[in-house]
Amino acid sequence: MYEQLVLRYEASVKAICYSVLADTHLSADASQDAFVKAYEKLASLRNAKVFGPWLMRIAKRRALDLFRQRQKMTALSAASSEETYQDNGELNDTKRHLLSAMMRLPEHERQVVLLRYFERHSVRDVALVAGRSIGTVTKQLSRAHRRLKSMLQEAD
């Protein structure tokens, strides 16, 4: 029976994962993880009629987890390669301060900033991925800008 559910929702789950990750292979991994997680937690689902939305939330969370892991690895990789290839320590300090400030943002603001500026999603797409309204995402981006500006000014 679970195989039928996998076949029915496979395309939708992959589409949600791809909208967050923009990578076919990572999306496939996230999709598979989502189905495994759903199977493990199936007993906790009280209403079988909400299986689809429940599975989509699991898939979105798994994709966001992979996205965050990839962002951390990319940031660390970029920081180490800059130290190797750049003579100008000032630029490295600036980027290090920015990354440090971003990591101090509240989780909900950090998420929208990463999706908007690092993955270059539109505000509309960020709202869909985050499960928030466009207005909420816009407000969170605005607050994040103010916080980052303030944190960077304090660092100087």
C-alpha atoms as a PDB file:
ATOM      1  CA  MET A   1       0.000   0.000   0.000  1.00  0.00           C
ATOM      2  CA  TYR A   2       2.803   2.451   0.815  1.00  0.00           C
ATOM      3  CA  GLU A   3       4.255   1.806  -2.626  1.00  0.00           C
ATOM      4  CA  GLN A   4       1.046   3.184  -4.147  1.00  0.00           C
ATOM      5  CA  LEU A   5       1.386   6.336  -2.071  1.00  0.00           C
ATOM      6  CA  VAL A   6       4.987   6.748  -3.186  1.00  0.00           C
ATOM      7  CA  LEU A   7       3.978   6.391  -6.826  1.00  0.00           C
ATOM      8  CA  ARG A   8       1.108   8.826  -6.393  1.00  0.00           C
ATOM      9  CA  TYR A   9       3.097  11.581  -4.650  1.00  0.00           C
ATOM     10  CA  GLU A  10       6.586  11.054  -6.076  1.00  0.00           C
ATOM     11  CA  ALA A  11       6.406  13.819  -8.697  1.00  0.00           C
ATOM     12  CA  SER A  12       4.955  16.365  -6.265  1.00  0.00           C
ATOM     13  CA  VAL A  13       7.537  15.613  -3.593  1.00  0.00           C
ATOM     14  CA  LYS A  14      10.383  15.902  -6.095  1.00  0.00           C
ATOM     15  CA  ALA A  15       8.967  19.196  -7.382  1.00  0.00           C
ATOM     16  CA  ILE A  16       8.837  20.670  -3.877  1.00  0.00           C
ATOM     17  CA  CYS A  17      12.373  19.525  -3.148  1.00  0.00           C
ATOM     18  CA  TYR A  18      13.629  20.890  -6.470  1.00  0.00           C
ATOM     19  CA  SER A  19      11.979  24.265  -5.835  1.00  0.00           C
ATOM     20  CA  VAL A  20      14.082  24.597  -2.671  1.00  0.00           C
ATOM     21  CA  LEU A  21      17.321  22.987  -3.821  1.00  0.00           C
ATOM     22  CA  ALA A  22      17.432  23.666  -7.580  1.00  0.00           C
ATOM     23  CA  ASP A  23      19.503  20.500  -7.987  1.00  0.00           C
ATOM     24  CA  THR A  24      18.162  17.271  -9.461  1.00  0.00           C
ATOM     25  CA  HIS A  25      20.391  14.923  -7.473  1.00  0.00           C
ATOM     26  CA  LEU A  26      19.903  16.657  -4.129  1.00  0.00           C
ATOM     27  CA  SER A  27      16.165  16.809  -4.817  1.00  0.00           C
ATOM     28  CA  ALA A  28      16.082  13.068  -5.407  1.00  0.00           C
ATOM     29  CA  ASP A  29      17.947  12.507  -2.129  1.00  0.00           C
ATOM     30  CA  ALA A  30      15.611  14.824  -0.230  1.00  0.00           C
ATOM     31  CA  SER A  31      12.568  13.139  -1.784  1.00  0.00           C
ATOM     32  CA  GLN A  32      13.763   9.710  -0.785  1.00  0.00           C
ATOM     33  CA  ASP A  33      14.517  10.920   2.742  1.00  0.00           C
ATOM     34  CA  ALA A  34      11.035  12.447   2.959  1.00  0.00           C
ATOM     35  CA  PHE A  35       9.344   9.186   2.005  1.00  0.00           C
ATOM     36  CA  VAL A  36      11.433   7.246   4.513  1.00  0.00           C
ATOM     37  CA  LYS A  37      10.674   9.778   7.254  1.00  0.00           C
ATOM     38  CA  ALA A  38       6.959   9.678   6.406  1.00  0.00           C
ATOM     39  CA  TYR A  39       6.989   5.878   6.544  1.00  0.00           C
ATOM     40  CA  GLU A  40       8.690   5.941   9.938  1.00  0.00           C
ATOM     41  CA  LYS A  41       6.153   8.466  11.274  1.00  0.00           C
ATOM     42  CA  LEU A  42       3.085   7.009   9.555  1.00  0.00           C
ATOM     43  CA  ALA A  43       1.677   5.730  12.850  1.00  0.00           C
ATOM     44  CA  SER A  44       1.552   9.309  14.169  1.00  0.00           C
ATOM     45  CA  LEU A  45      -0.732  10.438  11.313  1.00  0.00           C
ATOM     46  CA  ARG A  46      -4.227  10.556  12.756  1.00  0.00           C
ATOM     47  CA  ASN A  47      -6.186  11.414   9.623  1.00  0.00           C
ATOM     48  CA  ALA A  48      -5.271   9.522   6.455  1.00  0.00           C
ATOM     49  CA  LYS A  49      -7.020  12.188   4.352  1.00  0.00           C
ATOM     50  CA  VAL A  50      -4.240  14.683   5.119  1.00  0.00           C
ATOM     51  CA  PHE A  51      -1.421  12.368   4.062  1.00  0.00           C
ATOM     52  CA  GLY A  52      -0.581  14.446   0.969  1.00  0.00           C
ATOM     53  CA  PRO A  53      -0.127  17.823   2.716  1.00  0.00           C
ATOM     54  CA  TRP A  54       1.612  16.106   5.623  1.00  0.00           C
ATOM     55  CA  LEU A  55       4.075  14.454   3.251  1.00  0.00           C
ATOM     56  CA  MET A  56       4.668  17.761   1.423  1.00  0.00           C
ATOM     57  CA  ARG A  57       5.581  19.477   4.711  1.00  0.00           C
ATOM     58  CA  ILE A  58       8.023  16.675   5.507  1.00  0.00           C
ATOM     59  CA  ALA A  59       9.555  17.007   2.020  1.00  0.00           C
ATOM     60  CA  LYS A  60       9.883  20.776   2.323  1.00  0.00           C
ATOM     61  CA  ARG A  61      11.550  20.483   5.732  1.00  0.00           C
ATOM     62  CA  ARG A  62      13.996  17.856   4.465  1.00  0.00           C
ATOM     63  CA  ALA A  63      14.853  19.969   1.420  1.00  0.00           C
ATOM     64  CA  LEU A  64      15.411  23.029   3.621  1.00  0.00           C
ATOM     65  CA  ASP A  65      17.669  20.967   5.897  1.00  0.00           C
ATOM     66  CA  LEU A  66      19.760  19.900   2.905  1.00  0.00           C
ATOM     67  CA  PHE A  67      19.763  23.472   1.633  1.00  0.00           C
ATOM     68  CA  ARG A  68      21.116  24.751   4.947  1.00  0.00           C
ATOM     69  CA  GLN A  69      23.779  22.047   5.039  1.00  0.00           C
ATOM     70  CA  ARG A  70      24.841  22.924   1.501  1.00  0.00           C
ATOM     71  CA  GLN A  71      24.954  26.641   2.332  1.00  0.00           C
ATOM     72  CA  LYS A  72      27.184  26.022   5.338  1.00  0.00           C
ATOM     73  CA  MET A  73      29.522  23.871   3.272  1.00  0.00           C
ATOM     74  CA  THR A  74      29.592  26.441   0.455  1.00  0.00           C
ATOM     75  CA  ALA A  75      30.320  29.272   2.879  1.00  0.00           C
ATOM     76  CA  LEU A  76      33.123  27.324   4.536  1.00  0.00           C
ATOM     77  CA  SER A  77      34.550  26.302   1.182  1.00  0.00           C
ATOM     78  CA  ALA A  78      34.396  29.892  -0.117  1.00  0.00           C
ATOM     79  CA  ALA A  79      36.028  31.233   3.033  1.00  0.00           C
ATOM     80  CA  SER A  80      38.886  28.757   2.852  1.00  0.00           C
ATOM     81  CA  SER A  81      39.467  29.336  -0.882  1.00  0.00           C
ATOM     82  CA  GLU A  82      39.488  33.112  -0.362  1.00  0.00           C
ATOM     83  CA  GLU A  83      42.138  32.742   2.287  1.00  0.00           C
ATOM     84  CA  THR A  84      44.189  30.709  -0.162  1.00  0.00           C
ATOM     85  CA  TYR A  85      43.831  32.932  -3.208  1.00  0.00           C
ATOM     86  CA  GLN A  86      43.403  36.462  -1.895  1.00  0.00           C
ATOM     87  CA  ASP A  87      46.146  38.727  -0.677  1.00  0.00           C
ATOM     88  CA  ASN A  88      43.768  41.396   0.606  1.00  0.00           C
ATOM     89  CA  GLY A  89      42.844  40.469   4.196  1.00  0.00           C
ATOM     90  CA  GLU A  90      40.264  43.295   4.350  1.00  0.00           C
ATOM     91  CA  LEU A  91      37.893  41.532   1.965  1.00  0.00           C
ATOM     92  CA  ASN A  92      38.170  38.303   3.928  1.00  0.00           C
ATOM     93  CA  ASP A  93      37.360  40.152   7.158  1.00  0.00           C
ATOM     94  CA  THR A  94      34.322  41.791   5.567  1.00  0.00           C
ATOM     95  CA  LYS A  95      32.926  38.509   4.338  1.00  0.00           C
ATOM     96  CA  ARG A  96      33.679  36.814   7.627  1.00  0.00           C
ATOM     97  CA  HIS A  97      31.828  39.584   9.522  1.00  0.00           C
ATOM     98  CA  LEU A  98      28.867  39.301   7.158  1.00  0.00           C
ATOM     99  CA  LEU A  99      28.668  35.534   7.566  1.00  0.00           C
ATOM    100  CA  SER A 100      28.963  35.850  11.333  1.00  0.00           C
ATOM    101  CA  ALA A 101      26.208  38.463  11.396  1.00  0.00           C
ATOM    102  CA  MET A 102      23.954  36.294   9.231  1.00  0.00           C
ATOM    103  CA  MET A 103      24.354  33.360  11.571  1.00  0.00           C
ATOM    104  CA  ARG A 104      23.142  35.557  14.454  1.00  0.00           C
ATOM    105  CA  LEU A 105      19.888  36.414  12.660  1.00  0.00           C
ATOM    106  CA  PRO A 106      16.747  34.740  13.977  1.00  0.00           C
ATOM    107  CA  GLU A 107      16.140  31.464  12.156  1.00  0.00           C
ATOM    108  CA  HIS A 108      13.095  32.704  10.209  1.00  0.00           C
ATOM    109  CA  GLU A 109      15.004  35.744   8.901  1.00  0.00           C
ATOM    110  CA  ARG A 110      18.143  33.747   8.115  1.00  0.00           C
ATOM    111  CA  GLN A 111      16.040  31.293   6.105  1.00  0.00           C
ATOM    112  CA  VAL A 112      14.464  33.969   3.891  1.00  0.00           C
ATOM    113  CA  VAL A 113      17.815  35.742   3.394  1.00  0.00           C
ATOM    114  CA  LEU A 114      19.487  32.495   2.329  1.00  0.00           C
ATOM    115  CA  LEU A 115      16.690  31.612  -0.054  1.00  0.00           C
ATOM    116  CA  ARG A 116      16.456  35.121  -1.511  1.00  0.00           C
ATOM    117  CA  TYR A 117      20.105  36.142  -1.865  1.00  0.00           C
ATOM    118  CA  PHE A 118      22.156  32.971  -1.867  1.00  0.00           C
ATOM    119  CA  GLU A 119      19.826  30.839  -3.972  1.00  0.00           C
ATOM    120  CA  ARG A 120      18.382  33.840  -5.844  1.00  0.00           C
ATOM    121  CA  HIS A 121      14.750  32.805  -5.467  1.00  0.00           C
ATOM    122  CA  SER A 122      12.096  35.436  -6.064  1.00  0.00           C
ATOM    123  CA  VAL A 123      10.224  36.758  -3.043  1.00  0.00           C
ATOM    124  CA  ARG A 124       7.178  34.863  -4.287  1.00  0.00           C
ATOM    125  CA  ASP A 125       9.136  31.590  -4.422  1.00  0.00           C
ATOM    126  CA  VAL A 126      10.632  32.230  -0.986  1.00  0.00           C
ATOM    127  CA  ALA A 127       7.100  32.710   0.357  1.00  0.00           C
ATOM    128  CA  LEU A 128       5.987  29.406  -1.175  1.00  0.00           C
ATOM    129  CA  VAL A 129       8.984  27.481   0.147  1.00  0.00           C
ATOM    130  CA  ALA A 130       8.804  29.024   3.606  1.00  0.00           C
ATOM    131  CA  GLY A 131       5.030  28.651   3.818  1.00  0.00           C
ATOM    132  CA  ARG A 132       4.536  32.347   4.516  1.00  0.00           C
ATOM    133  CA  SER A 133       2.768  35.194   2.766  1.00  0.00           C
ATOM    134  CA  ILE A 134       4.689  37.471   0.406  1.00  0.00           C
ATOM    135  CA  GLY A 135       4.112  40.369   2.802  1.00  0.00           C
ATOM    136  CA  THR A 136       5.581  38.409   5.705  1.00  0.00           C
ATOM    137  CA  VAL A 137       8.646  37.455   3.668  1.00  0.00           C
ATOM    138  CA  THR A 138       9.117  41.077   2.549  1.00  0.00           C
ATOM    139  CA  LYS A 139       8.883  42.266   6.159  1.00  0.00           C
ATOM    140  CA  GLN A 140      11.330  39.584   7.336  1.00  0.00           C
ATOM    141  CA  LEU A 141      13.821  40.565   4.619  1.00  0.00           C
ATOM    142  CA  SER A 142      13.488  44.206   5.619  1.00  0.00           C
ATOM    143  CA  ARG A 143      14.105  43.396   9.278  1.00  0.00           C
ATOM    144  CA  ALA A 144      17.046  41.181   8.365  1.00  0.00           C
ATOM    145  CA  HIS A 145      18.593  44.039   6.345  1.00  0.00           C
ATOM    146  CA  ARG A 146      18.259  46.395   9.303  1.00  0.00           C
ATOM    147  CA  ARG A 147      19.717  43.842  11.730  1.00  0.00           C
ATOM    148  CA  LEU A 148      22.635  43.028   9.434  1.00  0.00           C
ATOM    149  CA  LYS A 149      23.386  46.709   8.854  1.00  0.00           C
ATOM    150  CA  SER A 150      23.329  47.354  12.576  1.00  0.00           C
ATOM    151  CA  MET A 151      25.508  44.333  13.379  1.00  0.00           C
ATOM    152  CA  LEU A 152      28.056  45.264  10.710  1.00  0.00           C
ATOM    153  CA  GLN A 153      28.183  48.880  11.905  1.00  0.00           C
ATOM    154  CA  GLU A 154      28.795  47.691  15.473  1.00  0.00           C
ATOM    155  CA  ALA A 155      31.651  45.505  14.237  1.00  0.00           C
ATOM    156  CA  ASP A 156      33.413  48.530  12.703  1.00  0.00           C
END
